[in-house]
């Protein structure tokens, strides 16, 4: 596994946990939601830029991406 992959996985875990906490859902539900509505795909594709913004901004970005793909969590 490359260093980028390890950092990406660590970042995704942090984002999933923070998304769950901010939205009041379980980590499992957050993972499933972010996977279904392309939030995890977004983090993978945009990791280089996304990990440089605040965690709050990342959660807002994830919320917007998921809403744009049919998600309903505000």
C-alpha atoms as a PDB file:
ATOM      1  CA  UNK A   1       0.000   0.000   0.000  1.00  0.00           C
ATOM      2  CA  UNK A   2       1.379   3.396  -0.959  1.00  0.00           C
ATOM      3  CA  UNK A   3       1.855   6.301   1.426  1.00  0.00           C
ATOM      4  CA  UNK A   4      -0.919   8.211  -0.378  1.00  0.00           C
ATOM      5  CA  UNK A   5      -3.332   5.317   0.091  1.00  0.00           C
ATOM      6  CA  UNK A   6      -2.561   5.125   3.805  1.00  0.00           C
ATOM      7  CA  UNK A   7      -3.031   8.886   4.235  1.00  0.00           C
ATOM      8  CA  UNK A   8      -6.243   8.797   2.188  1.00  0.00           C
ATOM      9  CA  UNK A   9      -7.699   5.980   4.302  1.00  0.00           C
ATOM     10  CA  UNK A  10      -6.784   7.808   7.514  1.00  0.00           C
ATOM     11  CA  UNK A  11      -8.396  10.979   6.168  1.00  0.00           C
ATOM     12  CA  UNK A  12     -11.548   9.133   5.099  1.00  0.00           C
ATOM     13  CA  UNK A  13     -11.888   7.558   8.560  1.00  0.00           C
ATOM     14  CA  UNK A  14     -11.615  11.000  10.163  1.00  0.00           C
ATOM     15  CA  UNK A  15     -14.155  12.478   7.733  1.00  0.00           C
ATOM     16  CA  UNK A  16     -16.621   9.616   8.235  1.00  0.00           C
ATOM     17  CA  UNK A  17     -16.355   9.945  12.027  1.00  0.00           C
ATOM     18  CA  UNK A  18     -16.764  13.719  11.944  1.00  0.00           C
ATOM     19  CA  UNK A  19     -19.655  13.512   9.452  1.00  0.00           C
ATOM     20  CA  UNK A  20     -21.404  11.019  11.742  1.00  0.00           C
ATOM     21  CA  UNK A  21     -20.898  13.231  14.784  1.00  0.00           C
ATOM     22  CA  UNK A  22     -22.062  16.436  13.074  1.00  0.00           C
ATOM     23  CA  UNK A  23     -25.103  14.780  11.494  1.00  0.00           C
ATOM     24  CA  UNK A  24     -26.091  12.754  14.569  1.00  0.00           C
ATOM     25  CA  UNK A  25     -25.847   9.356  12.900  1.00  0.00           C
ATOM     26  CA  UNK A  26     -23.752   6.255  13.503  1.00  0.00           C
ATOM     27  CA  UNK A  27     -20.368   5.851  11.855  1.00  0.00           C
ATOM     28  CA  UNK A  28     -21.723   2.852   9.959  1.00  0.00           C
ATOM     29  CA  UNK A  29     -24.653   4.885   8.634  1.00  0.00           C
ATOM     30  CA  UNK A  30     -22.299   7.735   7.737  1.00  0.00           C
ATOM     31  CA  UNK A  31     -20.039   5.352   5.807  1.00  0.00           C
ATOM     32  CA  UNK A  32     -22.981   3.815   3.941  1.00  0.00           C
ATOM     33  CA  UNK A  33     -24.457   7.242   3.135  1.00  0.00           C
ATOM     34  CA  UNK A  34     -21.149   8.696   1.947  1.00  0.00           C
ATOM     35  CA  UNK A  35     -20.512   5.607  -0.161  1.00  0.00           C
ATOM     36  CA  UNK A  36     -23.986   5.575  -1.721  1.00  0.00           C
ATOM     37  CA  UNK A  37     -24.049   9.277  -2.559  1.00  0.00           C
ATOM     38  CA  UNK A  38     -20.463   9.497  -3.844  1.00  0.00           C
ATOM     39  CA  UNK A  39     -18.906  11.322  -0.892  1.00  0.00           C
ATOM     40  CA  UNK A  40     -16.112   8.769  -0.545  1.00  0.00           C
ATOM     41  CA  UNK A  41     -15.479   8.883  -4.287  1.00  0.00           C
ATOM     42  CA  UNK A  42     -15.202  12.674  -3.981  1.00  0.00           C
ATOM     43  CA  UNK A  43     -12.670  12.376  -1.150  1.00  0.00           C
ATOM     44  CA  UNK A  44     -10.603   9.953  -3.205  1.00  0.00           C
ATOM     45  CA  UNK A  45     -10.646  12.122  -6.331  1.00  0.00           C
ATOM     46  CA  UNK A  46     -10.086  15.429  -4.522  1.00  0.00           C
ATOM     47  CA  UNK A  47      -7.877  14.314  -1.619  1.00  0.00           C
ATOM     48  CA  UNK A  48      -4.923  16.532  -2.526  1.00  0.00           C
ATOM     49  CA  UNK A  49      -7.027  19.692  -2.224  1.00  0.00           C
ATOM     50  CA  UNK A  50      -9.622  18.538   0.283  1.00  0.00           C
ATOM     51  CA  UNK A  51      -7.220  17.532   3.053  1.00  0.00           C
ATOM     52  CA  UNK A  52      -5.871  21.101   3.092  1.00  0.00           C
ATOM     53  CA  UNK A  53      -9.211  22.653   4.133  1.00  0.00           C
ATOM     54  CA  UNK A  54     -10.684  22.597   7.622  1.00  0.00           C
ATOM     55  CA  UNK A  55     -12.615  19.544   8.727  1.00  0.00           C
ATOM     56  CA  UNK A  56     -15.757  21.702   8.957  1.00  0.00           C
ATOM     57  CA  UNK A  57     -15.285  22.763   5.331  1.00  0.00           C
ATOM     58  CA  UNK A  58     -14.706  19.147   4.310  1.00  0.00           C
ATOM     59  CA  UNK A  59     -17.977  18.106   5.989  1.00  0.00           C
ATOM     60  CA  UNK A  60     -19.806  20.947   4.214  1.00  0.00           C
ATOM     61  CA  UNK A  61     -18.262  19.818   0.914  1.00  0.00           C
ATOM     62  CA  UNK A  62     -19.322  16.222   1.560  1.00  0.00           C
ATOM     63  CA  UNK A  63     -22.838  17.346   2.435  1.00  0.00           C
ATOM     64  CA  UNK A  64     -23.088  19.274  -0.838  1.00  0.00           C
ATOM     65  CA  UNK A  65     -21.660  16.465  -2.953  1.00  0.00           C
ATOM     66  CA  UNK A  66     -24.025  13.927  -1.437  1.00  0.00           C
ATOM     67  CA  UNK A  67     -27.043  16.224  -1.834  1.00  0.00           C
ATOM     68  CA  UNK A  68     -26.083  16.713  -5.472  1.00  0.00           C
ATOM     69  CA  UNK A  69     -26.153  12.951  -5.883  1.00  0.00           C
ATOM     70  CA  UNK A  70     -29.563  12.438  -4.280  1.00  0.00           C
ATOM     71  CA  UNK A  71     -28.702  12.449  -0.583  1.00  0.00           C
ATOM     72  CA  UNK A  72     -31.105  14.069   1.857  1.00  0.00           C
ATOM     73  CA  UNK A  73     -28.995  14.725   4.953  1.00  0.00           C
ATOM     74  CA  UNK A  74     -28.645  18.435   5.596  1.00  0.00           C
END
